[in-house]
């Protein structure tokens, strides 16, 4: 018998570990920490902090969205 791994938050639909989800989660956490630090201790140039926050936030969600579309099978239905 073939037992499947339990599907969790950091695994894909088949129960395999997903490094893309781990990367997305880490990037999201870093963007939250950066946002909190920007509120608690604002830098002299506020746009630098905004750019770093946005880079972490975009880095967390865009690659996962691209992967989702890239892994979809092409259908040739008319």
Protein backbone atom coordinates (compact mmCIF):
# COMPACT_ATOMS: atom_id res chain seq x y z
CA UNK A 1 0.00 0.00 0.00
CA UNK A 2 1.08 3.50 -0.77
CA UNK A 3 0.59 5.91 2.12
CA UNK A 4 0.51 9.61 1.40
CA UNK A 5 2.02 12.21 3.67
CA UNK A 6 -0.48 14.44 5.44
CA UNK A 7 -1.15 17.67 3.61
CA UNK A 8 -0.05 20.63 5.70
CA UNK A 9 0.53 24.34 5.32
CA UNK A 10 4.07 24.05 3.92
CA UNK A 11 3.35 21.07 1.66
CA UNK A 12 1.81 20.81 -1.79
CA UNK A 13 -1.48 19.08 -2.58
CA UNK A 14 0.21 15.67 -2.59
CA UNK A 15 1.89 16.09 0.80
CA UNK A 16 5.39 16.79 -0.55
CA UNK A 17 7.43 19.55 1.13
CA UNK A 18 7.19 22.79 -0.84
CA UNK A 19 10.24 25.05 -0.76
CA UNK A 20 8.29 27.72 -2.66
CA UNK A 21 5.77 27.92 0.17
CA UNK A 22 8.57 28.09 2.75
CA UNK A 23 10.20 30.92 0.78
CA UNK A 24 6.90 32.77 0.48
CA UNK A 25 6.21 32.41 4.18
CA UNK A 26 9.70 33.63 5.15
CA UNK A 27 9.40 36.62 2.82
CA UNK A 28 6.00 37.52 4.25
CA UNK A 29 7.31 37.32 7.82
CA UNK A 30 10.29 39.49 6.89
CA UNK A 31 7.98 42.08 5.32
CA UNK A 32 5.90 42.15 8.52
CA UNK A 33 9.02 42.56 10.67
CA UNK A 34 10.29 45.30 8.35
CA UNK A 35 6.93 47.08 8.55
CA UNK A 36 6.95 46.94 12.34
CA UNK A 37 10.52 48.23 12.48
CA UNK A 38 9.62 51.09 10.13
CA UNK A 39 6.79 52.11 12.45
CA UNK A 40 8.80 51.76 15.67
CA UNK A 41 12.01 53.34 14.36
CA UNK A 42 11.48 55.27 11.14
CA UNK A 43 14.56 55.87 8.98
CA UNK A 44 15.71 59.32 7.85
CA UNK A 45 14.65 58.52 4.29
CA UNK A 46 11.20 56.94 4.49
CA UNK A 47 11.21 55.75 0.87
CA UNK A 48 14.12 53.37 1.50
CA UNK A 49 12.12 51.49 4.12
CA UNK A 50 9.08 51.47 1.86
CA UNK A 51 11.14 49.96 -0.97
CA UNK A 52 12.51 47.21 1.29
CA UNK A 53 9.05 46.44 2.69
CA UNK A 54 7.55 46.30 -0.81
CA UNK A 55 10.38 44.10 -2.12
CA UNK A 56 9.81 41.53 0.65
CA UNK A 57 6.05 41.64 0.16
CA UNK A 58 6.26 41.22 -3.63
CA UNK A 59 8.92 38.53 -3.19
CA UNK A 60 6.52 36.58 -1.01
CA UNK A 61 3.52 36.46 -3.31
CA UNK A 62 4.52 36.97 -6.95
CA UNK A 63 6.73 33.85 -7.37
CA UNK A 64 3.99 31.62 -5.91
CA UNK A 65 1.40 33.11 -8.27
CA UNK A 66 3.71 32.62 -11.24
CA UNK A 67 4.37 29.02 -10.18
CA UNK A 68 0.64 28.33 -9.94
CA UNK A 69 0.07 29.47 -13.52
CA UNK A 70 3.23 27.76 -14.80
CA UNK A 71 2.21 24.37 -13.40
CA UNK A 72 -1.28 24.37 -14.88
CA UNK A 73 -1.60 21.98 -17.82
CA UNK A 74 -2.36 23.51 -21.19
CA UNK A 75 -5.78 22.53 -22.42
CA UNK A 76 -6.42 22.41 -26.14
CA UNK A 77 -10.21 22.63 -25.93
CA UNK A 78 -11.97 24.64 -28.61
